[in-house]
Structure formats: structure tokens, C-alpha cells
Amino acid sequence: MLKDDPAEQLISAVRTVAGGNALLSPAITKHVIKQFARIPRPVPPKELNYLTAREQDILRLIATGISNAEIGQQLFISETTVKTHVTHILQKLGLRDRVQAVVLAYQTGLIEADTPG
């Protein structure tokens, strides 16, 4: 997190980290993504094909740096449903956390570095 991030984001970040998850500030995430975007893309893992259309939508939204609640609002589904989809995405792709999912989304071209967040 950055020292000038809004208090709400800081509180949410503390809860996320306390829950055992990793977190990057959206500003930092965009910087990291731009760096990764310069690296030639590997062949997408075949597991990416195992994601449903909804899971791919959610992976794209995760990659923009928005929260589960915001994803739910955009897709008109509950936050619990979003969490279930995120769990399935991580399991299907053999990923540890959302950060790895974001990196994979950009590395494989599922989302482009200049996609608005």
C-alpha cells in the first residue's frame, strides 16, 4: 500500500492481509504489470481453457485491481459467489493467490497493460 492511499483501502488491506491473502495497491499493481508486460508472453497454460466464461470474466476483473465486492457489483452477483469463482480460478490454474492470477492474466494476454482499471 502507498501512504497516500485512501483510509478505506488501508482498512481493507489490513483485513485482507490478516486473512492470509496477499495485496498490492492498484497503483503498484499497474507498475508491476507494465514491467511484466515487457517480457515476451509465454504460451498460455492449457488450464486457462478449463475456465468457464464467467471465470474468465472474473479473472479479467481481478487483473484490473478491483475488489470482490466491486466485481460482484459489476456482474450483478454476490460477493460470496465472486469468492467461489476466485477459488475455482486459483485451483484450476494451480495458483497460490490473486497476485499470481493477475500476473498470469497479463502474461498470457487475457488482459492488456493499458486496460483501464
PDB file of N, CA and C in Angstrom:
ATOM      1  N   MET A   1       0.834  -1.178   0.000  1.00  0.00           N
ATOM      2  CA  MET A   1       0.000   0.000   0.000  1.00  0.00           C
ATOM      3  C   MET A   1       0.883   1.246   0.000  1.00  0.00           C
ATOM      4  N   LEU A   2       0.329   2.305  -0.508  1.00  0.00           N
ATOM      5  CA  LEU A   2       1.033   3.576  -0.520  1.00  0.00           C
ATOM      6  C   LEU A   2       0.509   4.462   0.599  1.00  0.00           C
ATOM      7  N   LYS A   3       1.368   5.346   1.093  1.00  0.00           N
ATOM      8  CA  LYS A   3       0.964   6.164   2.230  1.00  0.00           C
ATOM      9  C   LYS A   3      -0.171   7.117   1.897  1.00  0.00           C
ATOM     10  N   ASP A   4      -0.359   7.424   0.605  1.00  0.00           N
ATOM     11  CA  ASP A   4      -1.448   8.333   0.245  1.00  0.00           C
ATOM     12  C   ASP A   4      -2.698   7.603  -0.251  1.00  0.00           C
ATOM     13  N   ASP A   5      -2.750   6.286  -0.094  1.00  0.00           N
ATOM     14  CA  ASP A   5      -3.964   5.540  -0.428  1.00  0.00           C
ATOM     15  C   ASP A   5      -5.064   5.938   0.550  1.00  0.00           C
ATOM     16  N   PRO A   6      -6.317   5.915   0.088  1.00  0.00           N
ATOM     17  CA  PRO A   6      -7.429   6.277   0.975  1.00  0.00           C
ATOM     18  C   PRO A   6      -7.520   5.352   2.187  1.00  0.00           C
ATOM     19  N   ALA A   7      -8.036   5.887   3.286  1.00  0.00           N
ATOM     20  CA  ALA A   7      -8.153   5.127   4.539  1.00  0.00           C
ATOM     21  C   ALA A   7      -8.964   3.855   4.350  1.00  0.00           C
ATOM     22  N   GLU A   8     -10.019   3.923   3.512  1.00  0.00           N
ATOM     23  CA  GLU A   8     -10.849   2.729   3.290  1.00  0.00           C
ATOM     24  C   GLU A   8     -10.023   1.597   2.686  1.00  0.00           C
ATOM     25  N   GLN A   9      -9.121   1.946   1.758  1.00  0.00           N
ATOM     26  CA  GLN A   9      -8.276   0.931   1.137  1.00  0.00           C
ATOM     27  C   GLN A   9      -7.299   0.351   2.148  1.00  0.00           C
ATOM     28  N   LEU A  10      -6.783   1.194   3.025  1.00  0.00           N
ATOM     29  CA  LEU A  10      -5.851   0.727   4.049  1.00  0.00           C
ATOM     30  C   LEU A  10      -6.545  -0.251   4.990  1.00  0.00           C
ATOM     31  N   ILE A  11      -7.748   0.086   5.401  1.00  0.00           N
ATOM     32  CA  ILE A  11      -8.511  -0.801   6.294  1.00  0.00           C
ATOM     33  C   ILE A  11      -8.793  -2.129   5.595  1.00  0.00           C
ATOM     34  N   SER A  12      -9.212  -2.053   4.353  1.00  0.00           N
ATOM     35  CA  SER A  12      -9.479  -3.268   3.576  1.00  0.00           C
ATOM     36  C   SER A  12      -8.203  -4.094   3.410  1.00  0.00           C
ATOM     37  N   ALA A  13      -7.090  -3.409   3.199  1.00  0.00           N
ATOM     38  CA  ALA A  13      -5.807  -4.100   3.027  1.00  0.00           C
ATOM     39  C   ALA A  13      -5.404  -4.836   4.296  1.00  0.00           C
ATOM     40  N   VAL A  14      -5.597  -4.198   5.431  1.00  0.00           N
ATOM     41  CA  VAL A  14      -5.257  -4.828   6.706  1.00  0.00           C
ATOM     42  C   VAL A  14      -6.094  -6.091   6.890  1.00  0.00           C
ATOM     43  N   ARG A  15      -7.375  -5.999   6.578  1.00  0.00           N
ATOM     44  CA  ARG A  15      -8.252  -7.175   6.696  1.00  0.00           C
ATOM     45  C   ARG A  15      -7.830  -8.284   5.736  1.00  0.00           C
ATOM     46  N   THR A  16      -7.476  -7.901   4.525  1.00  0.00           N
ATOM     47  CA  THR A  16      -7.048  -8.884   3.528  1.00  0.00           C
ATOM     48  C   THR A  16      -5.789  -9.606   3.984  1.00  0.00           C
ATOM     49  N   VAL A  17      -4.807  -8.859   4.425  1.00  0.00           N
ATOM     50  CA  VAL A  17      -3.544  -9.445   4.876  1.00  0.00           C
ATOM     51  C   VAL A  17      -3.759 -10.273   6.145  1.00  0.00           C
ATOM     52  N   ALA A  18      -4.590  -9.771   7.051  1.00  0.00           N
ATOM     53  CA  ALA A  18      -4.891 -10.520   8.274  1.00  0.00           C
ATOM     54  C   ALA A  18      -5.566 -11.844   7.953  1.00  0.00           C
ATOM     55  N   GLY A  19      -6.291 -11.894   6.834  1.00  0.00           N
ATOM     56  CA  GLY A  19      -6.945 -13.117   6.393  1.00  0.00           C
ATOM     57  C   GLY A  19      -6.002 -14.078   5.690  1.00  0.00           C
ATOM     58  N   GLY A  20      -4.729 -13.697   5.594  1.00  0.00           N
ATOM     59  CA  GLY A  20      -3.737 -14.586   4.995  1.00  0.00           C
ATOM     60  C   GLY A  20      -3.557 -14.421   3.498  1.00  0.00           C
ATOM     61  N   ASN A  21      -4.126 -13.371   2.919  1.00  0.00           N
ATOM     62  CA  ASN A  21      -4.003 -13.144   1.482  1.00  0.00           C
ATOM     63  C   ASN A  21      -2.963 -12.066   1.192  1.00  0.00           C
ATOM     64  N   ALA A  22      -2.493 -12.044  -0.040  1.00  0.00           N
ATOM     65  CA  ALA A  22      -1.543 -11.031  -0.479  1.00  0.00           C
ATOM     66  C   ALA A  22      -2.304  -9.854  -1.071  1.00  0.00           C
ATOM     67  N   LEU A  23      -1.672  -8.685  -1.068  1.00  0.00           N
ATOM     68  CA  LEU A  23      -2.341  -7.491  -1.578  1.00  0.00           C
ATOM     69  C   LEU A  23      -1.304  -6.511  -2.103  1.00  0.00           C
ATOM     70  N   LEU A  24      -1.626  -5.911  -3.240  1.00  0.00           N
ATOM     71  CA  LEU A  24      -0.833  -4.813  -3.777  1.00  0.00           C
ATOM     72  C   LEU A  24      -1.763  -3.645  -4.032  1.00  0.00           C
ATOM     73  N   SER A  25      -1.284  -2.454  -3.791  1.00  0.00           N
ATOM     74  CA  SER A  25      -2.043  -1.258  -4.101  1.00  0.00           C
ATOM     75  C   SER A  25      -2.288  -1.227  -5.612  1.00  0.00           C
ATOM     76  N   PRO A  26      -3.469  -0.767  -6.055  1.00  0.00           N
ATOM     77  CA  PRO A  26      -3.719  -0.684  -7.502  1.00  0.00           C
ATOM     78  C   PRO A  26      -2.637   0.096  -8.242  1.00  0.00           C
ATOM     79  N   ALA A  27      -2.115   1.164  -7.638  1.00  0.00           N
ATOM     80  CA  ALA A  27      -1.055   1.942  -8.290  1.00  0.00           C
ATOM     81  C   ALA A  27       0.206   1.101  -8.465  1.00  0.00           C
ATOM     82  N   ILE A  28       0.547   0.322  -7.452  1.00  0.00           N
ATOM     83  CA  ILE A  28       1.721  -0.546  -7.529  1.00  0.00           C
ATOM     84  C   ILE A  28       1.461  -1.679  -8.508  1.00  0.00           C
ATOM     85  N   THR A  29       0.258  -2.226  -8.473  1.00  0.00           N
ATOM     86  CA  THR A  29      -0.099  -3.323  -9.373  1.00  0.00           C
ATOM     87  C   THR A  29       0.099  -2.898 -10.817  1.00  0.00           C
ATOM     88  N   LYS A  30      -0.378  -1.713 -11.177  1.00  0.00           N
ATOM     89  CA  LYS A  30      -0.231  -1.238 -12.549  1.00  0.00           C
ATOM     90  C   LYS A  30       1.243  -1.113 -12.934  1.00  0.00           C
ATOM     91  N   HIS A  31       2.069  -0.643 -12.020  1.00  0.00           N
ATOM     92  CA  HIS A  31       3.500  -0.521 -12.297  1.00  0.00           C
ATOM     93  C   HIS A  31       4.127  -1.897 -12.510  1.00  0.00           C
ATOM     94  N   VAL A  32       3.797  -2.823 -11.634  1.00  0.00           N
ATOM     95  CA  VAL A  32       4.331  -4.188 -11.756  1.00  0.00           C
ATOM     96  C   VAL A  32       3.876  -4.812 -13.073  1.00  0.00           C
ATOM     97  N   ILE A  33       2.628  -4.629 -13.414  1.00  0.00           N
ATOM     98  CA  ILE A  33       2.072  -5.200 -14.638  1.00  0.00           C
ATOM     99  C   ILE A  33       2.782  -4.642 -15.862  1.00  0.00           C
ATOM    100  N   LYS A  34       3.029  -3.342 -15.885  1.00  0.00           N
ATOM    101  CA  LYS A  34       3.718  -2.746 -17.029  1.00  0.00           C
ATOM    102  C   LYS A  34       5.102  -3.351 -17.202  1.00  0.00           C
ATOM    103  N   GLN A  35       5.777  -3.643 -16.083  1.00  0.00           N
ATOM    104  CA  GLN A  35       7.088  -4.276 -16.157  1.00  0.00           C
ATOM    105  C   GLN A  35       6.979  -5.690 -16.731  1.00  0.00           C
ATOM    106  N   PHE A  36       5.989  -6.441 -16.250  1.00  0.00           N
ATOM    107  CA  PHE A  36       5.787  -7.800 -16.747  1.00  0.00           C
ATOM    108  C   PHE A  36       5.349  -7.805 -18.202  1.00  0.00           C
ATOM    109  N   ALA A  37       4.626  -6.776 -18.614  1.00  0.00           N
ATOM    110  CA  ALA A  37       4.121  -6.724 -19.983  1.00  0.00           C
ATOM    111  C   ALA A  37       5.250  -6.622 -21.000  1.00  0.00           C
ATOM    112  N   ARG A  38       6.389  -6.146 -20.579  1.00  0.00           N
ATOM    113  CA  ARG A  38       7.540  -6.021 -21.471  1.00  0.00           C
ATOM    114  C   ARG A  38       8.205  -7.363 -21.753  1.00  0.00           C
ATOM    115  N   ILE A  39       7.959  -8.313 -20.897  1.00  0.00           N
ATOM    116  CA  ILE A  39       8.549  -9.643 -21.052  1.00  0.00           C
ATOM    117  C   ILE A  39       7.739 -10.402 -22.096  1.00  0.00           C
ATOM    118  N   PRO A  40       8.403 -11.104 -23.035  1.00  0.00           N
ATOM    119  CA  PRO A  40       7.645 -11.873 -24.033  1.00  0.00           C
ATOM    120  C   PRO A  40       6.673 -12.844 -23.356  1.00  0.00           C
ATOM    121  N   ARG A  41       5.492 -12.950 -23.928  1.00  0.00           N
ATOM    122  CA  ARG A  41       4.454 -13.794 -23.340  1.00  0.00           C
ATOM    123  C   ARG A  41       4.745 -15.272 -23.560  1.00  0.00           C
ATOM    124  N   PRO A  42       4.588 -16.039 -22.498  1.00  0.00           N
ATOM    125  CA  PRO A  42       4.721 -17.490 -22.658  1.00  0.00           C
ATOM    126  C   PRO A  42       3.447 -18.050 -23.292  1.00  0.00           C
ATOM    127  N   VAL A  43       3.537 -19.281 -23.725  1.00  0.00           N
ATOM    128  CA  VAL A  43       2.340 -19.948 -24.234  1.00  0.00           C
ATOM    129  C   VAL A  43       1.362 -20.076 -23.072  1.00  0.00           C
ATOM    130  N   PRO A  44       0.113 -19.662 -23.282  1.00  0.00           N
ATOM    131  CA  PRO A  44      -0.860 -19.761 -22.180  1.00  0.00           C
ATOM    132  C   PRO A  44      -0.980 -21.206 -21.698  1.00  0.00           C
ATOM    133  N   PRO A  45      -1.075 -21.392 -20.397  1.00  0.00           N
ATOM    134  CA  PRO A  45      -1.222 -22.761 -19.897  1.00  0.00           C
ATOM    135  C   PRO A  45      -2.555 -23.336 -20.365  1.00  0.00           C
ATOM    136  N   LYS A  46      -2.560 -24.622 -20.662  1.00  0.00           N
ATOM    137  CA  LYS A  46      -3.790 -25.261 -21.155  1.00  0.00           C
ATOM    138  C   LYS A  46      -4.916 -25.160 -20.133  1.00  0.00           C
ATOM    139  N   GLU A  47      -4.553 -25.015 -18.849  1.00  0.00           N
ATOM    140  CA  GLU A  47      -5.549 -24.894 -17.792  1.00  0.00           C
ATOM    141  C   GLU A  47      -6.432 -23.653 -17.978  1.00  0.00           C
ATOM    142  N   LEU A  48      -5.924 -22.648 -18.691  1.00  0.00           N
ATOM    143  CA  LEU A  48      -6.717 -21.442 -18.942  1.00  0.00           C
ATOM    144  C   LEU A  48      -7.986 -21.801 -19.727  1.00  0.00           C
ATOM    145  N   ASN A  49      -7.886 -22.835 -20.554  1.00  0.00           N
ATOM    146  CA  ASN A  49      -9.047 -23.292 -21.324  1.00  0.00           C
ATOM    147  C   ASN A  49     -10.106 -23.951 -20.448  1.00  0.00           C
ATOM    148  N   TYR A  50      -9.725 -24.357 -19.242  1.00  0.00           N
ATOM    149  CA  TYR A  50     -10.666 -25.014 -18.331  1.00  0.00           C
ATOM    150  C   TYR A  50     -11.564 -24.024 -17.601  1.00  0.00           C
ATOM    151  N   LEU A  51     -11.223 -22.734 -17.690  1.00  0.00           N
ATOM    152  CA  LEU A  51     -12.040 -21.718 -17.024  1.00  0.00           C
ATOM    153  C   LEU A  51     -13.338 -21.508 -17.797  1.00  0.00           C
ATOM    154  N   THR A  52     -14.423 -21.362 -17.069  1.00  0.00           N
ATOM    155  CA  THR A  52     -15.693 -21.019 -17.707  1.00  0.00           C
ATOM    156  C   THR A  52     -15.616 -19.570 -18.193  1.00  0.00           C
ATOM    157  N   ALA A  53     -16.577 -19.187 -19.016  1.00  0.00           N
ATOM    158  CA  ALA A  53     -16.626 -17.801 -19.497  1.00  0.00           C
ATOM    159  C   ALA A  53     -16.742 -16.832 -18.320  1.00  0.00           C
ATOM    160  N   ARG A  54     -17.537 -17.190 -17.316  1.00  0.00           N
ATOM    161  CA  ARG A  54     -17.709 -16.341 -16.142  1.00  0.00           C
ATOM    162  C   ARG A  54     -16.392 -16.228 -15.375  1.00  0.00           C
ATOM    163  N   GLU A  55     -15.687 -17.346 -15.216  1.00  0.00           N
ATOM    164  CA  GLU A  55     -14.401 -17.321 -14.514  1.00  0.00           C
ATOM    165  C   GLU A  55     -13.396 -16.462 -15.272  1.00  0.00           C
ATOM    166  N   GLN A  56     -13.422 -16.516 -16.602  1.00  0.00           N
ATOM    167  CA  GLN A  56     -12.524 -15.660 -17.383  1.00  0.00           C
ATOM    168  C   GLN A  56     -12.878 -14.192 -17.179  1.00  0.00           C
ATOM    169  N   ASP A  57     -14.169 -13.885 -17.139  1.00  0.00           N
ATOM    170  CA  ASP A  57     -14.596 -12.505 -16.871  1.00  0.00           C
ATOM    171  C   ASP A  57     -14.069 -12.039 -15.519  1.00  0.00           C
ATOM    172  N   ILE A  58     -14.207 -12.901 -14.525  1.00  0.00           N
ATOM    173  CA  ILE A  58     -13.775 -12.541 -13.175  1.00  0.00           C
ATOM    174  C   ILE A  58     -12.260 -12.400 -13.118  1.00  0.00           C
ATOM    175  N   LEU A  59     -11.540 -13.267 -13.807  1.00  0.00           N
ATOM    176  CA  LEU A  59     -10.078 -13.149 -13.853  1.00  0.00           C
ATOM    177  C   LEU A  59      -9.674 -11.818 -14.474  1.00  0.00           C
ATOM    178  N   ARG A  60     -10.343 -11.429 -15.530  1.00  0.00           N
ATOM    179  CA  ARG A  60     -10.043 -10.120 -16.148  1.00  0.00           C
ATOM    180  C   ARG A  60     -10.286  -8.976 -15.157  1.00  0.00           C
ATOM    181  N   LEU A  61     -11.384  -9.065 -14.421  1.00  0.00           N
ATOM    182  CA  LEU A  61     -11.698  -8.008 -13.451  1.00  0.00           C
ATOM    183  C   LEU A  61     -10.724  -8.019 -12.279  1.00  0.00           C
ATOM    184  N   ILE A  62     -10.315  -9.201 -11.830  1.00  0.00           N
ATOM    185  CA  ILE A  62      -9.283  -9.284 -10.786  1.00  0.00           C
ATOM    186  C   ILE A  62      -8.036  -8.547 -11.259  1.00  0.00           C
ATOM    187  N   ALA A  63      -7.699  -8.760 -12.522  1.00  0.00           N
ATOM    188  CA  ALA A  63      -6.473  -8.174 -13.075  1.00  0.00           C
ATOM    189  C   ALA A  63      -6.525  -6.656 -13.153  1.00  0.00           C
ATOM    190  N   THR A  64      -7.729  -6.083 -13.095  1.00  0.00           N
ATOM    191  CA  THR A  64      -7.816  -4.623 -13.101  1.00  0.00           C
ATOM    192  C   THR A  64      -7.615  -4.043 -11.706  1.00  0.00           C
ATOM    193  N   GLY A  65      -7.539  -4.923 -10.704  1.00  0.00           N
ATOM    194  CA  GLY A  65      -7.245  -4.471  -9.345  1.00  0.00           C
ATOM    195  C   GLY A  65      -8.461  -4.166  -8.502  1.00  0.00           C
ATOM    196  N   ILE A  66      -9.644  -4.562  -8.947  1.00  0.00           N
ATOM    197  CA  ILE A  66     -10.829  -4.253  -8.142  1.00  0.00           C
ATOM    198  C   ILE A  66     -11.124  -5.382  -7.156  1.00  0.00           C
ATOM    199  N   SER A  67     -11.888  -5.057  -6.140  1.00  0.00           N
ATOM    200  CA  SER A  67     -12.194  -5.989  -5.056  1.00  0.00           C
ATOM    201  C   SER A  67     -13.299  -6.966  -5.451  1.00  0.00           C
ATOM    202  N   ASN A  68     -13.475  -7.994  -4.635  1.00  0.00           N
ATOM    203  CA  ASN A  68     -14.561  -8.950  -4.861  1.00  0.00           C
ATOM    204  C   ASN A  68     -15.916  -8.249  -4.836  1.00  0.00           C
ATOM    205  N   ALA A  69     -16.088  -7.325  -3.905  1.00  0.00           N
ATOM    206  CA  ALA A  69     -17.357  -6.597  -3.816  1.00  0.00           C
ATOM    207  C   ALA A  69     -17.618  -5.804  -5.098  1.00  0.00           C
ATOM    208  N   GLU A  70     -16.591  -5.155  -5.619  1.00  0.00           N
ATOM    209  CA  GLU A  70     -16.742  -4.381  -6.852  1.00  0.00           C
ATOM    210  C   GLU A  70     -17.017  -5.290  -8.052  1.00  0.00           C
ATOM    211  N   ILE A  71     -16.364  -6.439  -8.084  1.00  0.00           N
ATOM    212  CA  ILE A  71     -16.626  -7.410  -9.152  1.00  0.00           C
ATOM    213  C   ILE A  71     -18.086  -7.848  -9.087  1.00  0.00           C
ATOM    214  N   GLY A  72     -18.544  -8.163  -7.880  1.00  0.00           N
ATOM    215  CA  GLY A  72     -19.932  -8.565  -7.700  1.00  0.00           C
ATOM    216  C   GLY A  72     -20.909  -7.507  -8.185  1.00  0.00           C
ATOM    217  N   GLN A  73     -20.616  -6.253  -7.871  1.00  0.00           N
ATOM    218  CA  GLN A  73     -21.489  -5.160  -8.305  1.00  0.00           C
ATOM    219  C   GLN A  73     -21.530  -5.066  -9.825  1.00  0.00           C
ATOM    220  N   GLN A  74     -20.358  -5.195 -10.464  1.00  0.00           N
ATOM    221  CA  GLN A  74     -20.304  -5.085 -11.920  1.00  0.00           C
ATOM    222  C   GLN A  74     -21.020  -6.228 -12.618  1.00  0.00           C
ATOM    223  N   LEU A  75     -20.921  -7.431 -12.031  1.00  0.00           N
ATOM    224  CA  LEU A  75     -21.502  -8.610 -12.665  1.00  0.00           C
ATOM    225  C   LEU A  75     -22.879  -8.973 -12.115  1.00  0.00           C
ATOM    226  N   PHE A  76     -23.360  -8.181 -11.151  1.00  0.00           N
ATOM    227  CA  PHE A  76     -24.664  -8.411 -10.531  1.00  0.00           C
ATOM    228  C   PHE A  76     -24.746  -9.796  -9.881  1.00  0.00           C
ATOM    229  N   ILE A  77     -23.683 -10.142  -9.162  1.00  0.00           N
ATOM    230  CA  ILE A  77     -23.645 -11.381  -8.386  1.00  0.00           C
ATOM    231  C   ILE A  77     -23.156 -11.044  -6.981  1.00  0.00           C
ATOM    232  N   SER A  78     -23.367 -11.958  -6.040  1.00  0.00           N
ATOM    233  CA  SER A  78     -22.966 -11.688  -4.655  1.00  0.00           C
ATOM    234  C   SER A  78     -21.452 -11.796  -4.503  1.00  0.00           C
ATOM    235  N   GLU A  79     -20.961 -11.159  -3.459  1.00  0.00           N
ATOM    236  CA  GLU A  79     -19.530 -11.239  -3.156  1.00  0.00           C
ATOM    237  C   GLU A  79     -19.139 -12.684  -2.847  1.00  0.00           C
ATOM    238  N   THR A  80     -20.016 -13.424  -2.217  1.00  0.00           N
ATOM    239  CA  THR A  80     -19.747 -14.837  -1.919  1.00  0.00           C
ATOM    240  C   THR A  80     -19.581 -15.634  -3.211  1.00  0.00           C
ATOM    241  N   THR A  81     -20.410 -15.349  -4.197  1.00  0.00           N
ATOM    242  CA  THR A  81     -20.294 -16.024  -5.492  1.00  0.00           C
ATOM    243  C   THR A  81     -18.963 -15.676  -6.157  1.00  0.00           C
ATOM    244  N   VAL A  82     -18.572 -14.416  -6.059  1.00  0.00           N
ATOM    245  CA  VAL A  82     -17.281 -13.997  -6.612  1.00  0.00           C
ATOM    246  C   VAL A  82     -16.163 -14.777  -5.929  1.00  0.00           C
ATOM    247  N   LYS A  83     -16.197 -14.870  -4.595  1.00  0.00           N
ATOM    248  CA  LYS A  83     -15.164 -15.596  -3.852  1.00  0.00           C
ATOM    249  C   LYS A  83     -15.098 -17.051  -4.301  1.00  0.00           C
ATOM    250  N   THR A  84     -16.255 -17.655  -4.547  1.00  0.00           N
ATOM    251  CA  THR A  84     -16.295 -19.047  -5.022  1.00  0.00           C
ATOM    252  C   THR A  84     -15.619 -19.153  -6.380  1.00  0.00           C
ATOM    253  N   HIS A  85     -15.938 -18.224  -7.270  1.00  0.00           N
ATOM    254  CA  HIS A  85     -15.301 -18.230  -8.594  1.00  0.00           C
ATOM    255  C   HIS A  85     -13.788 -18.025  -8.484  1.00  0.00           C
ATOM    256  N   VAL A  86     -13.367 -17.108  -7.623  1.00  0.00           N
ATOM    257  CA  VAL A  86     -11.927 -16.859  -7.441  1.00  0.00           C
ATOM    258  C   VAL A  86     -11.238 -18.133  -6.952  1.00  0.00           C
ATOM    259  N   THR A  87     -11.847 -18.813  -6.010  1.00  0.00           N
ATOM    260  CA  THR A  87     -11.286 -20.069  -5.508  1.00  0.00           C
ATOM    261  C   THR A  87     -11.147 -21.084  -6.635  1.00  0.00           C
ATOM    262  N   HIS A  88     -12.178 -21.203  -7.469  1.00  0.00           N
ATOM    263  CA  HIS A  88     -12.122 -22.142  -8.589  1.00  0.00           C
ATOM    264  C   HIS A  88     -11.044 -21.753  -9.595  1.00  0.00           C
ATOM    265  N   ILE A  89     -10.919 -20.462  -9.860  1.00  0.00           N
ATOM    266  CA  ILE A  89      -9.887 -19.977 -10.783  1.00  0.00           C
ATOM    267  C   ILE A  89      -8.504 -20.368 -10.275  1.00  0.00           C
ATOM    268  N   LEU A  90      -8.241 -20.071  -9.006  1.00  0.00           N
ATOM    269  CA  LEU A  90      -6.929 -20.374  -8.425  1.00  0.00           C
ATOM    270  C   LEU A  90      -6.659 -21.873  -8.458  1.00  0.00           C
ATOM    271  N   GLN A  91      -7.665 -22.683  -8.135  1.00  0.00           N
ATOM    272  CA  GLN A  91      -7.496 -24.128  -8.138  1.00  0.00           C
ATOM    273  C   GLN A  91      -7.233 -24.648  -9.549  1.00  0.00           C
ATOM    274  N   LYS A  92      -8.035 -24.223 -10.508  1.00  0.00           N
ATOM    275  CA  LYS A  92      -7.895 -24.710 -11.880  1.00  0.00           C
ATOM    276  C   LYS A  92      -6.543 -24.336 -12.486  1.00  0.00           C
ATOM    277  N   LEU A  93      -6.050 -23.158 -12.122  1.00  0.00           N
ATOM    278  CA  LEU A  93      -4.791 -22.681 -12.696  1.00  0.00           C
ATOM    279  C   LEU A  93      -3.582 -23.037 -11.839  1.00  0.00           C
ATOM    280  N   GLY A  94      -3.822 -23.654 -10.692  1.00  0.00           N
ATOM    281  CA  GLY A  94      -2.720 -24.041  -9.810  1.00  0.00           C
ATOM    282  C   GLY A  94      -1.974 -22.844  -9.247  1.00  0.00           C
ATOM    283  N   LEU A  95      -2.721 -21.797  -8.913  1.00  0.00           N
ATOM    284  CA  LEU A  95      -2.123 -20.561  -8.403  1.00  0.00           C
ATOM    285  C   LEU A  95      -2.338 -20.444  -6.904  1.00  0.00           C
ATOM    286  N   ARG A  96      -1.430 -19.721  -6.265  1.00  0.00           N
ATOM    287  CA  ARG A  96      -1.438 -19.547  -4.817  1.00  0.00           C
ATOM    288  C   ARG A  96      -2.363 -18.428  -4.372  1.00  0.00           C
ATOM    289  N   ASP A  97      -2.411 -17.330  -5.158  1.00  0.00           N
ATOM    290  CA  ASP A  97      -3.166 -16.159  -4.723  1.00  0.00           C
ATOM    291  C   ASP A  97      -3.544 -15.272  -5.901  1.00  0.00           C
ATOM    292  N   ARG A  98      -4.259 -14.202  -5.590  1.00  0.00           N
ATOM    293  CA  ARG A  98      -4.725 -13.268  -6.617  1.00  0.00           C
ATOM    294  C   ARG A  98      -3.573 -12.607  -7.371  1.00  0.00           C
ATOM    295  N   VAL A  99      -2.486 -12.359  -6.684  1.00  0.00           N
ATOM    296  CA  VAL A  99      -1.344 -11.709  -7.337  1.00  0.00           C
ATOM    297  C   VAL A  99      -0.850 -12.584  -8.486  1.00  0.00           C
ATOM    298  N   GLN A 100      -0.716 -13.877  -8.242  1.00  0.00           N
ATOM    299  CA  GLN A 100      -0.294 -14.778  -9.312  1.00  0.00           C
ATOM    300  C   GLN A 100      -1.319 -14.794 -10.444  1.00  0.00           C
ATOM    301  N   ALA A 101      -2.593 -14.716 -10.102  1.00  0.00           N
ATOM    302  CA  ALA A 101      -3.648 -14.702 -11.118  1.00  0.00           C
ATOM    303  C   ALA A 101      -3.535 -13.447 -11.989  1.00  0.00           C
ATOM    304  N   VAL A 102      -3.265 -12.311 -11.368  1.00  0.00           N
ATOM    305  CA  VAL A 102      -3.115 -11.056 -12.108  1.00  0.00           C
ATOM    306  C   VAL A 102      -1.925 -11.152 -13.062  1.00  0.00           C
ATOM    307  N   VAL A 103      -0.814 -11.627 -12.567  1.00  0.00           N
ATOM    308  CA  VAL A 103       0.385 -11.754 -13.409  1.00  0.00           C
ATOM    309  C   VAL A 103       0.089 -12.671 -14.592  1.00  0.00           C
ATOM    310  N   LEU A 104      -0.544 -13.809 -14.331  1.00  0.00           N
ATOM    311  CA  LEU A 104      -0.873 -14.744 -15.400  1.00  0.00           C
ATOM    312  C   LEU A 104      -1.806 -14.106 -16.429  1.00  0.00           C
ATOM    313  N   ALA A 105      -2.788 -13.356 -15.978  1.00  0.00           N
ATOM    314  CA  ALA A 105      -3.730 -12.701 -16.890  1.00  0.00           C
ATOM    315  C   ALA A 105      -3.010 -11.763 -17.845  1.00  0.00           C
ATOM    316  N   TYR A 106      -2.038 -11.038 -17.339  1.00  0.00           N
ATOM    317  CA  TYR A 106      -1.287 -10.124 -18.191  1.00  0.00           C
ATOM    318  C   TYR A 106      -0.271 -10.863 -19.049  1.00  0.00           C
ATOM    319  N   GLN A 107       0.415 -11.826 -18.484  1.00  0.00           N
ATOM    320  CA  GLN A 107       1.427 -12.567 -19.234  1.00  0.00           C
ATOM    321  C   GLN A 107       0.822 -13.292 -20.432  1.00  0.00           C
ATOM    322  N   THR A 108      -0.363 -13.795 -20.278  1.00  0.00           N
ATOM    323  CA  THR A 108      -0.994 -14.583 -21.329  1.00  0.00           C
ATOM    324  C   THR A 108      -1.825 -13.738 -22.285  1.00  0.00           C
ATOM    325  N   GLY A 109      -1.929 -12.451 -22.019  1.00  0.00           N
ATOM    326  CA  GLY A 109      -2.685 -11.568 -22.906  1.00  0.00           C
ATOM    327  C   GLY A 109      -4.185 -11.590 -22.666  1.00  0.00           C
ATOM    328  N   LEU A 110      -4.620 -12.230 -21.580  1.00  0.00           N
ATOM    329  CA  LEU A 110      -6.044 -12.224 -21.249  1.00  0.00           C
ATOM    330  C   LEU A 110      -6.520 -10.795 -21.030  1.00  0.00           C
ATOM    331  N   ILE A 111      -5.602  -9.970 -20.563  1.00  0.00           N
ATOM    332  CA  ILE A 111      -5.877  -8.544 -20.377  1.00  0.00           C
ATOM    333  C   ILE A 111      -4.607  -7.781 -20.765  1.00  0.00           C
ATOM    334  N   GLU A 112      -4.764  -6.610 -21.315  1.00  0.00           N
ATOM    335  CA  GLU A 112      -3.621  -5.811 -21.749  1.00  0.00           C
ATOM    336  C   GLU A 112      -3.234  -4.795 -20.684  1.00  0.00           C
ATOM    337  N   ALA A 113      -1.967  -4.407 -20.674  1.00  0.00           N
ATOM    338  CA  ALA A 113      -1.443  -3.495 -19.652  1.00  0.00           C
ATOM    339  C   ALA A 113      -2.145  -2.137 -19.657  1.00  0.00           C
ATOM    340  N   ASP A 114      -2.692  -1.725 -20.781  1.00  0.00           N
ATOM    341  CA  ASP A 114      -3.332  -0.422 -20.825  1.00  0.00           C
ATOM    342  C   ASP A 114      -4.846  -0.490 -20.644  1.00  0.00           C
ATOM    343  N   THR A 115      -5.357  -1.662 -20.222  1.00  0.00           N
ATOM    344  CA  THR A 115      -6.787  -1.795 -19.941  1.00  0.00           C
ATOM    345  C   THR A 115      -7.125  -0.962 -18.722  1.00  0.00           C
ATOM    346  N   PRO A 116      -8.160  -0.111 -18.800  1.00  0.00           N
ATOM    347  CA  PRO A 116      -8.496   0.717 -17.632  1.00  0.00           C
ATOM    348  C   PRO A 116      -8.946  -0.130 -16.458  1.00  0.00           C
ATOM    349  N   GLY A 117      -8.569   0.321 -15.239  1.00  0.00           N
ATOM    350  CA  GLY A 117      -8.930  -0.398 -14.033  1.00  0.00           C
ATOM    351  C   GLY A 117     -10.114   0.183 -13.337  1.00  0.00           C
TER     352      GLY A 117
END
